[in-house]
Protein backbone atom coordinates (compact mmCIF):
# COMPACT_ATOMS: atom_id res chain seq x y z
CA ASP A 1 -8.26 41.72 -18.83
CA VAL A 2 -9.41 39.26 -21.50
CA SER A 3 -5.85 38.91 -22.80
CA GLN A 4 -5.04 37.01 -19.60
CA ARG A 5 -6.20 33.48 -18.91
CA TYR A 6 -8.29 34.44 -15.87
CA GLY A 7 -10.09 37.14 -17.87
CA SER A 8 -11.11 34.84 -20.72
CA GLN A 9 -12.16 32.13 -18.25
CA LEU A 10 -14.31 34.63 -16.35
CA ILE A 11 -16.13 35.57 -19.55
CA TRP A 12 -16.77 31.90 -20.35
CA MET A 13 -18.09 31.38 -16.83
CA ILE A 14 -20.55 34.27 -17.30
CA PHE A 15 -21.72 32.76 -20.59
CA ALA A 16 -22.09 29.37 -18.88
CA PHE A 17 -24.30 30.84 -16.15
CA ILE A 18 -26.47 32.58 -18.77
CA ILE A 19 -26.87 29.36 -20.77
CA ALA A 20 -27.64 27.40 -17.59
CA PHE A 21 -30.32 29.95 -16.67
CA VAL A 22 -31.89 29.71 -20.14
CA ILE A 23 -31.91 25.89 -19.91
CA LEU A 24 -33.70 26.10 -16.55
CA LEU A 25 -36.41 28.24 -18.16
CA LEU A 26 -37.02 25.71 -20.93
CA ASP A 27 -39.65 23.02 -20.55
CA GLY A 28 -38.15 19.57 -19.93
CA ASN A 29 -40.05 18.14 -22.90
CA PHE A 30 -38.01 20.39 -25.20
CA PHE A 31 -34.94 18.15 -24.90
CA THR A 32 -36.99 14.98 -25.19
CA SER A 33 -38.61 16.24 -28.40
CA PHE A 34 -35.48 17.69 -30.01
CA ALA A 35 -32.87 15.16 -28.83
CA ILE A 36 -32.50 13.47 -32.24
CA PRO A 37 -32.49 16.75 -34.27
CA ILE A 38 -29.83 18.18 -31.92
CA TYR A 39 -27.76 15.02 -32.37
CA GLY A 40 -28.11 15.16 -36.16
CA LEU A 41 -27.17 18.86 -36.24
CA LEU A 42 -24.03 18.26 -34.17
CA MET A 43 -22.99 15.38 -36.43
CA LEU A 44 -23.23 17.72 -39.44
CA ILE A 45 -21.15 20.29 -37.57
CA LEU A 46 -18.51 17.62 -36.84
CA VAL A 47 -18.35 16.89 -40.58
CA ALA A 48 -18.12 20.63 -41.30
CA VAL A 49 -15.20 21.09 -38.91
CA LEU A 50 -13.32 18.41 -40.86
CA LEU A 51 -13.76 20.49 -44.01
CA PHE A 52 -13.53 24.06 -42.73
CA GLY A 53 -12.00 23.84 -39.26
CA VAL A 54 -8.62 25.18 -38.15
CA THR A 55 -5.80 23.00 -36.85
CA VAL A 56 -4.58 23.51 -33.28
CA ASN A 57 -1.81 21.28 -31.86
CA GLY A 58 -2.25 18.81 -34.70
CA ALA A 59 -6.05 18.42 -34.28
CA THR A 60 -8.43 19.86 -36.89
CA SER A 61 -11.27 20.21 -34.41
CA TRP A 62 -11.84 23.94 -34.00
CA PHE A 63 -13.92 26.71 -35.54
CA GLU A 64 -12.29 30.12 -35.29
CA ILE A 65 -14.60 33.14 -35.13
CA GLY A 66 -12.46 36.23 -34.67
CA ARG A 67 -10.41 35.67 -31.53
CA VAL A 68 -12.78 32.97 -30.27
CA LYS A 69 -12.15 29.27 -30.90
CA ILE A 70 -15.00 26.76 -30.49
CA GLN A 71 -14.55 22.98 -30.33
CA PRO A 72 -17.73 21.21 -31.55
CA ALA A 73 -16.50 17.89 -30.12
CA GLU A 74 -17.39 19.11 -26.62
CA PHE A 75 -20.97 19.90 -27.65
CA ALA A 76 -21.18 16.54 -29.44
CA LYS A 77 -20.83 14.76 -26.08
CA PHE A 78 -23.96 16.52 -24.83
CA ALA A 79 -25.81 15.69 -28.06
CA THR A 80 -24.77 12.02 -27.89
CA VAL A 81 -26.09 11.69 -24.34
CA LEU A 82 -29.40 13.25 -25.43
CA ALA A 83 -29.71 10.82 -28.35
CA LEU A 84 -28.89 7.82 -26.16
CA ALA A 85 -31.37 8.93 -23.51
CA LYS A 86 -34.06 9.44 -26.15
CA TYR A 87 -33.53 6.04 -27.79
CA LEU A 88 -33.12 3.94 -24.63
CA SER A 89 -36.16 5.55 -22.99
CA MET A 90 -38.45 4.63 -25.88
CA PRO A 91 -41.15 2.00 -25.16
CA ASN A 92 -40.24 -1.67 -25.68
CA ILE A 93 -36.51 -0.91 -25.91
CA ARG A 94 -34.40 -3.44 -23.99
CA ILE A 95 -30.62 -3.11 -23.81
CA LYS A 96 -30.25 -6.90 -23.60
CA GLU A 97 -31.60 -7.26 -27.16
CA PHE A 98 -28.95 -7.43 -29.89
CA LYS A 99 -30.66 -4.82 -32.07
CA THR A 100 -30.71 -2.32 -29.20
CA LYS A 101 -27.00 -2.87 -28.52
CA VAL A 102 -26.15 -2.27 -32.18
CA ILE A 103 -28.17 0.96 -32.43
CA ALA A 104 -26.84 2.30 -29.10
CA THR A 105 -23.27 1.49 -30.14
CA THR A 106 -23.84 3.22 -33.49
CA ILE A 107 -25.10 6.38 -31.76
CA ILE A 108 -21.85 6.44 -29.76
CA ALA A 109 -19.56 5.36 -32.61
CA ILE A 110 -20.57 7.99 -35.20
CA PRO A 111 -19.33 11.06 -33.26
CA ALA A 112 -16.36 9.10 -31.90
CA LEU A 113 -15.17 8.21 -35.42
CA LEU A 114 -15.74 11.75 -36.71
CA ILE A 115 -13.69 13.16 -33.82
CA LEU A 116 -10.99 10.52 -34.40
CA MET A 117 -10.79 11.71 -38.03
CA GLN A 118 -10.09 15.18 -36.62
CA ASN A 119 -6.97 13.68 -35.00
CA ASP A 120 -8.35 14.35 -31.51
CA THR A 121 -7.74 11.00 -29.81
CA GLY A 122 -8.24 12.35 -26.28
CA SER A 123 -11.84 13.44 -26.94
CA THR A 124 -12.52 10.18 -28.77
CA LEU A 125 -11.55 8.10 -25.74
CA THR A 126 -14.20 9.96 -23.71
CA TYR A 127 -16.90 8.07 -25.59
CA VAL A 128 -15.66 4.75 -24.20
CA ALA A 129 -16.99 5.89 -20.80
CA PHE A 130 -20.58 5.56 -22.07
CA ILE A 131 -20.29 1.84 -21.37
CA PHE A 132 -21.08 2.70 -17.72
CA LEU A 133 -24.35 4.31 -18.83
CA LEU A 134 -25.25 1.19 -20.80
CA TYR A 135 -24.28 -1.00 -17.85
CA ARG A 136 -26.69 0.91 -15.60
CA GLU A 137 -29.46 0.34 -18.13
CA GLY A 138 -28.96 -3.43 -18.13
CA LEU A 139 -25.90 -4.21 -20.25
CA SER A 140 -24.29 -7.49 -19.21
CA GLY A 141 -21.43 -7.20 -16.73
CA ASN A 142 -19.48 -9.65 -18.90
CA ILE A 143 -19.11 -6.96 -21.57
CA LEU A 144 -17.83 -4.51 -18.97
CA PHE A 145 -15.37 -7.18 -17.81
CA LEU A 146 -14.19 -7.74 -21.39
CA GLY A 147 -13.62 -3.99 -21.72
CA VAL A 148 -11.43 -3.93 -18.60
CA LEU A 149 -9.63 -7.07 -19.82
CA ALA A 150 -8.97 -5.44 -23.20
CA ILE A 151 -7.35 -2.45 -21.47
CA LEU A 152 -5.22 -4.77 -19.32
CA VAL A 153 -4.07 -6.75 -22.37
CA PHE A 154 -3.29 -3.45 -24.16
CA VAL A 155 -0.97 -2.34 -21.34
CA LEU A 156 0.67 -5.76 -20.93
CA THR A 157 1.30 -5.97 -24.68
CA LEU A 158 3.09 -2.62 -24.60
CA VAL A 159 5.24 -3.85 -21.71
CA PHE A 160 6.07 -7.40 -22.82
CA GLY A 161 5.47 -7.29 -26.58
CA ALA A 162 2.94 -8.98 -28.86
CA THR A 163 4.89 -12.24 -29.21
CA SER A 164 5.19 -12.78 -25.46
CA MET A 165 1.49 -12.05 -24.92
CA ILE A 166 0.40 -14.44 -27.67
CA LEU A 167 2.70 -17.13 -26.31
CA PHE A 168 1.36 -16.58 -22.80
CA GLY A 169 -2.23 -16.71 -24.09
CA PHE A 170 -1.49 -19.88 -26.03
CA ILE A 171 -0.08 -21.54 -22.91
CA ILE A 172 -3.26 -20.71 -20.98
CA PHE A 173 -5.37 -21.92 -23.91
CA LEU A 174 -3.56 -25.28 -24.04
CA LEU A 175 -3.76 -25.80 -20.29
CA LEU A 176 -7.47 -24.97 -20.14
CA TYR A 177 -8.19 -27.07 -23.21
CA ALA A 178 -6.29 -30.07 -21.85
CA ALA A 179 -7.78 -29.73 -18.36
CA THR A 180 -11.41 -29.39 -19.45
CA LYS A 181 -11.53 -31.72 -22.45
CA TYR A 182 -9.19 -34.51 -21.49
CA ASP A 183 -7.78 -36.32 -18.47
CA LEU A 184 -5.14 -35.41 -15.92
CA LYS A 185 -2.33 -37.27 -17.72
CA ILE A 186 -2.62 -35.14 -20.85
CA THR A 187 -2.81 -31.99 -18.72
CA VAL A 188 0.42 -32.90 -16.93
CA PHE A 189 2.09 -33.81 -20.24
CA THR A 190 1.03 -30.49 -21.78
CA THR A 191 2.34 -28.56 -18.76
CA LEU A 192 5.72 -30.31 -18.90
CA ALA A 193 5.97 -29.72 -22.65
CA ILE A 194 5.27 -26.01 -22.19
CA ILE A 195 7.81 -25.66 -19.36
CA SER A 196 10.43 -27.43 -21.49
CA PHE A 197 9.74 -25.10 -24.39
CA LEU A 198 10.05 -21.98 -22.19
CA ILE A 199 13.38 -23.18 -20.77
CA PHE A 200 14.64 -23.96 -24.28
CA ASN A 201 13.49 -20.55 -25.55
CA THR A 202 15.26 -18.79 -22.65
CA TYR A 203 18.66 -20.14 -23.67
CA PHE A 204 18.35 -20.31 -27.46
CA GLU A 205 15.93 -17.40 -28.20
CA ILE A 206 13.72 -18.95 -30.85
CA LYS A 207 12.71 -16.51 -33.59
CA ASP A 208 9.18 -15.13 -33.58
CA SER A 209 8.44 -16.64 -36.99
CA PHE A 210 9.17 -20.16 -35.68
CA ILE A 211 6.97 -19.57 -32.62
CA PHE A 212 4.06 -18.41 -34.81
CA PHE A 213 4.56 -21.35 -37.15
CA GLY A 214 4.50 -23.77 -34.21
CA ILE A 215 1.36 -22.20 -32.70
CA THR A 216 -0.41 -22.26 -36.08
CA LEU A 217 0.57 -25.89 -36.63
CA ILE A 218 -0.71 -26.97 -33.20
CA LEU A 219 -3.99 -25.06 -33.67
CA PHE A 220 -4.49 -26.60 -37.10
CA SER A 221 -3.80 -30.06 -35.65
CA ILE A 222 -6.37 -29.49 -32.87
CA PHE A 223 -8.89 -28.30 -35.48
CA LEU A 224 -8.35 -31.40 -37.64
CA PHE A 225 -8.65 -33.63 -34.58
CA ILE A 226 -12.00 -32.04 -33.65
CA PHE A 227 -13.26 -32.13 -37.24
CA THR A 228 -12.36 -35.78 -37.92
CA ASN A 229 -13.22 -37.25 -34.49
CA LYS A 230 -16.80 -38.49 -34.85
CA LYS A 231 -16.99 -39.63 -31.22
CA LEU A 232 -16.22 -36.16 -29.87
CA LYS A 233 -19.28 -34.41 -28.41
CA ASP A 234 -20.05 -30.70 -28.21
CA LYS A 235 -17.77 -29.71 -31.08
CA GLY A 236 -19.20 -26.20 -31.02
CA SER A 237 -17.47 -25.33 -27.74
CA HIS A 238 -14.16 -26.63 -29.14
CA TYR A 239 -14.47 -24.44 -32.23
CA LEU A 240 -15.48 -21.49 -30.05
CA GLY A 241 -12.32 -21.86 -27.95
CA ILE A 242 -10.11 -21.78 -31.05
CA PHE A 243 -12.06 -18.83 -32.47
CA ILE A 244 -11.67 -16.81 -29.25
CA PHE A 245 -7.92 -17.44 -29.23
CA VAL A 246 -7.55 -16.37 -32.89
CA VAL A 247 -9.57 -13.19 -32.27
CA SER A 248 -7.42 -12.45 -29.21
CA CYS A 249 -4.28 -12.80 -31.33
CA ALA A 250 -5.71 -10.41 -33.92
CA TYR A 251 -6.50 -7.89 -31.16
CA ILE A 252 -2.98 -8.14 -29.72
CA TYR A 253 -1.45 -7.47 -33.14
CA SER A 254 -3.80 -4.52 -33.71
CA ILE A 255 -2.49 -2.89 -30.52
CA ASP A 256 0.80 -2.05 -32.23
CA PHE A 257 -1.07 -0.35 -35.09
CA ALA A 258 -3.37 1.56 -32.72
CA PHE A 259 -0.48 2.67 -30.52
CA ASN A 260 1.73 3.91 -33.38
CA LYS A 261 -0.87 5.13 -35.89
CA VAL A 262 -3.89 6.29 -33.86
CA LEU A 263 -2.35 7.84 -30.74
CA LYS A 264 -0.40 11.08 -31.07
CA GLU A 265 3.30 11.26 -30.27
CA HIS A 266 2.82 13.05 -26.94
CA GLN A 267 0.15 10.51 -25.93
CA ARG A 268 2.45 7.60 -26.80
CA THR A 269 5.28 9.20 -24.86
CA ARG A 270 3.12 9.68 -21.75
CA ILE A 271 2.19 6.00 -21.81
CA THR A 272 5.72 4.72 -22.44
CA VAL A 273 7.24 7.01 -19.80
CA LEU A 274 4.59 5.85 -17.33
CA LEU A 275 5.53 2.25 -18.15
CA GLY A 276 9.20 2.99 -17.42
CA GLU A 277 10.69 3.64 -20.87
CA GLU A 278 13.40 5.95 -19.49
CA ASP A 279 14.51 3.43 -16.86
CA GLN A 280 14.51 0.69 -19.48
CA LEU A 281 16.72 2.73 -21.82
CA ILE A 282 19.16 3.49 -18.98
CA LYS A 283 19.44 -0.23 -18.15
CA GLN A 284 19.99 -1.10 -21.81
CA ILE A 285 22.73 1.55 -22.09
CA LYS A 286 24.50 0.19 -19.00
CA THR A 287 24.30 -3.36 -20.38
CA LEU A 288 25.75 -2.28 -23.73
CA GLU A 289 28.53 -0.30 -22.03
CA PHE A 290 29.40 -3.40 -20.01
CA LYS A 291 29.53 -5.49 -23.19
CA MET A 292 31.86 -2.94 -24.80
CA ASN A 293 34.43 -3.66 -22.09
CA GLU A 294 34.15 -7.42 -22.47
CA GLU A 295 37.07 -9.09 -24.26
CA THR A 296 34.99 -12.06 -25.44
CA PHE A 297 33.37 -10.05 -28.26
CA SER A 298 35.06 -9.64 -31.64
CA GLN A 299 35.69 -6.25 -33.25
CA GLU A 300 32.72 -6.70 -35.59
CA GLN A 301 30.44 -7.52 -32.67
CA LYS A 302 31.73 -4.52 -30.72
CA LEU A 303 31.03 -2.31 -33.74
CA VAL A 304 27.40 -3.48 -33.74
CA ILE A 305 27.19 -2.91 -29.97
CA LYS A 306 28.70 0.58 -30.36
CA THR A 307 26.13 1.51 -33.02
CA ASP A 308 23.30 0.19 -30.85
CA LEU A 309 24.69 2.08 -27.84
CA LYS A 310 24.77 5.34 -29.81
CA THR A 311 21.16 4.84 -30.92
CA LYS A 312 20.00 4.15 -27.35
CA LYS A 313 21.75 7.26 -26.02
CA GLU A 314 20.15 9.42 -28.72
CA SER A 315 16.73 7.96 -27.88
CA LEU A 316 17.27 8.68 -24.18
CA LYS A 317 18.36 12.26 -24.88
CA GLU A 318 15.36 12.84 -27.16
CA LEU A 319 13.02 11.42 -24.53
CA GLN A 320 14.46 13.50 -21.68
CA GLN A 321 14.35 16.73 -23.70
CA GLY A 322 11.01 16.08 -25.41
CA ASN A 323 7.65 14.94 -24.03
CA GLY A 324 9.45 12.94 -21.36
CA TRP A 325 10.74 16.25 -20.01
CA ASN A 326 7.19 17.54 -19.58
CA ILE A 327 6.08 14.48 -17.64
CA LYS A 328 9.20 14.48 -15.49
CA GLN A 329 8.80 18.16 -14.60
CA SER A 330 5.12 17.63 -13.77
CA LEU A 331 6.02 14.80 -11.38
CA ILE A 332 8.70 16.99 -9.77
CA ALA A 333 6.14 19.77 -9.34
CA ILE A 334 3.60 17.51 -7.64
CA GLY A 335 6.20 15.79 -5.49
CA SER A 336 7.83 19.04 -4.37
CA GLY A 337 4.51 20.21 -2.93
CA GLY A 338 4.86 17.75 -0.08
CA PHE A 339 2.02 17.36 2.40
CA THR A 340 0.75 20.96 2.67
CA GLY A 341 2.26 22.61 -0.43
CA LYS A 342 4.44 25.67 -0.97
CA GLY A 343 1.58 28.15 -0.72
CA PHE A 344 -0.58 30.14 -3.12
CA LEU A 345 1.46 31.40 -6.13
CA GLN A 346 4.66 30.12 -4.50
CA GLY A 347 5.32 27.20 -6.86
CA THR A 348 8.71 27.20 -8.59
CA GLN A 349 8.21 24.50 -11.23
CA THR A 350 4.95 26.06 -12.38
CA LYS A 351 5.66 29.79 -12.04
CA PHE A 352 8.99 29.51 -13.86
CA ASN A 353 7.26 27.59 -16.66
CA PHE A 354 9.13 24.31 -16.31
CA VAL A 355 5.71 22.66 -16.67
CA PRO A 356 3.82 23.29 -19.97
CA GLU A 357 0.05 23.60 -20.54
CA GLN A 358 -0.60 24.38 -16.86
CA SER A 359 -4.21 25.40 -17.46
CA THR A 360 -5.15 22.24 -19.40
CA ASP A 361 -3.18 18.96 -19.61
CA PHE A 362 -0.96 19.61 -16.58
CA ILE A 363 -3.34 21.68 -14.46
CA PHE A 364 -3.08 19.20 -11.58
CA CYS A 365 0.61 20.13 -11.16
CA THR A 366 -0.22 23.66 -10.02
CA ILE A 367 -2.58 22.35 -7.34
CA GLY A 368 -0.08 19.71 -6.24
CA GLU A 369 2.85 22.12 -5.93
CA GLU A 370 0.98 24.99 -4.26
CA TRP A 371 -1.39 23.01 -2.02
CA GLY A 372 0.36 19.67 -1.62
CA PHE A 373 -1.23 16.35 -0.73
CA LEU A 374 -4.00 18.03 1.29
CA GLY A 375 -5.02 20.30 -1.57
CA THR A 376 -5.00 17.61 -4.23
CA SER A 377 -6.94 15.24 -1.97
CA PHE A 378 -9.53 17.96 -1.36
CA VAL A 379 -9.95 18.55 -5.11
CA ILE A 380 -10.34 14.80 -5.76
CA LEU A 381 -12.91 14.53 -2.97
CA LEU A 382 -14.83 17.48 -4.44
CA TYR A 383 -14.81 15.81 -7.83
CA MET A 384 -16.02 12.53 -6.32
CA ALA A 385 -18.76 14.40 -4.45
CA LEU A 386 -19.90 16.01 -7.72
CA PHE A 387 -19.86 12.62 -9.46
CA LEU A 388 -21.86 10.90 -6.69
CA ARG A 389 -24.28 13.83 -6.47
CA ILE A 390 -25.06 13.54 -10.19
CA ILE A 391 -25.69 9.79 -9.85
CA PHE A 392 -27.86 10.37 -6.77
CA ILE A 393 -29.97 12.95 -8.63
CA ALA A 394 -30.20 10.66 -11.68
CA GLU A 395 -31.52 7.78 -9.56
CA LYS A 396 -34.23 10.01 -8.08
CA GLN A 397 -35.68 10.88 -11.49
CA ARG A 398 -39.09 9.47 -12.37
CA SER A 399 -38.38 9.92 -16.06
CA THR A 400 -36.22 7.25 -17.70
CA PHE A 401 -34.92 9.89 -20.12
CA SER A 402 -33.71 12.08 -17.25
CA ARG A 403 -32.07 9.17 -15.44
CA ILE A 404 -30.16 8.06 -18.52
CA TYR A 405 -29.08 11.62 -19.26
CA GLY A 406 -27.81 12.00 -15.68
CA TYR A 407 -25.70 8.86 -16.01
CA GLY A 408 -24.44 10.13 -19.36
CA VAL A 409 -23.14 13.33 -17.75
CA ALA A 410 -21.52 11.27 -14.97
CA SER A 411 -19.87 9.05 -17.61
CA ILE A 412 -18.38 12.08 -19.37
CA LEU A 413 -16.95 13.39 -16.09
């Protein structure tokens, strides 16, 4: 019954086996020879889907042929891996060279940007995983570390805010600068000055604009000191430190734009709920309700508090009944499975459709509720075994092209 999910999936599985069989019959040199043409063709198709594709769930990333929908972005991943494998396996290509890094990054960035233009952020993020492929081929571990650090800063900025992160980064910058460039006395003085400022800010809540003005003034003073001090040696490292801090500030401010303009609403909600947005709103509501009962506030102040309280309650209600509801129900489904699960087809959260998109975004909920901790652990172990098996096979390849392609598939998974 192709009208049912299992029927359509069975047909796709049959097609997949046929395609796999055809690929096995092809000579291995076919993919080496046609890697770049395949990549170019898929890039043209990605452009075509922007012009002629249909929109599904807000993403214009599908071609509709009768009752069949095809998403070229999935095939573009395969084409990108082929192109990377072809380029990096060419003679005299070294990933440590700047030119090689630029070309490899461009090969990855073109499909990623085209897919981002389709409003499919989830598929775009998949291309970030290719950094592991590049790392295997000799990319510096420092770049991988910077990538992890960028993700950490992204999350911390969402939790604490851009101003707090910049202030925290500036404190670290001053301490490191004082400790490495000057003596212990200046380091101690800088530390005491920073602690005094933080205590003052806690009680008087200095406005962000004043904080930014102060940071800019101090940075400009440090720059003038370096520029005018003729006795100072190794000025390049001083300028580099200031440059790194300024770039970091620009990145922190770009996080707000990326979070609100690039990510979709349901993706933003999943992140904020995971970071405790619902709990934070509940605490804020309780605090405002407590203030409403305080006699120290004037009527005008209470009116402002009442308006703020109403807004917070509306936000909480919208969160609990919107995308926050989906995440909450999915967690309930997984948690209710316990250690061994409720049994095959015995899930209540999933079978009564409390959890949406059970065959795609929230597919793990069905496994968690029906098979519990044991079932989910088994699935994760199977996935890890598949991942390690692909890497093991890739390492055994004599051909550089085949090895890189194997790591590309592992990166996508």
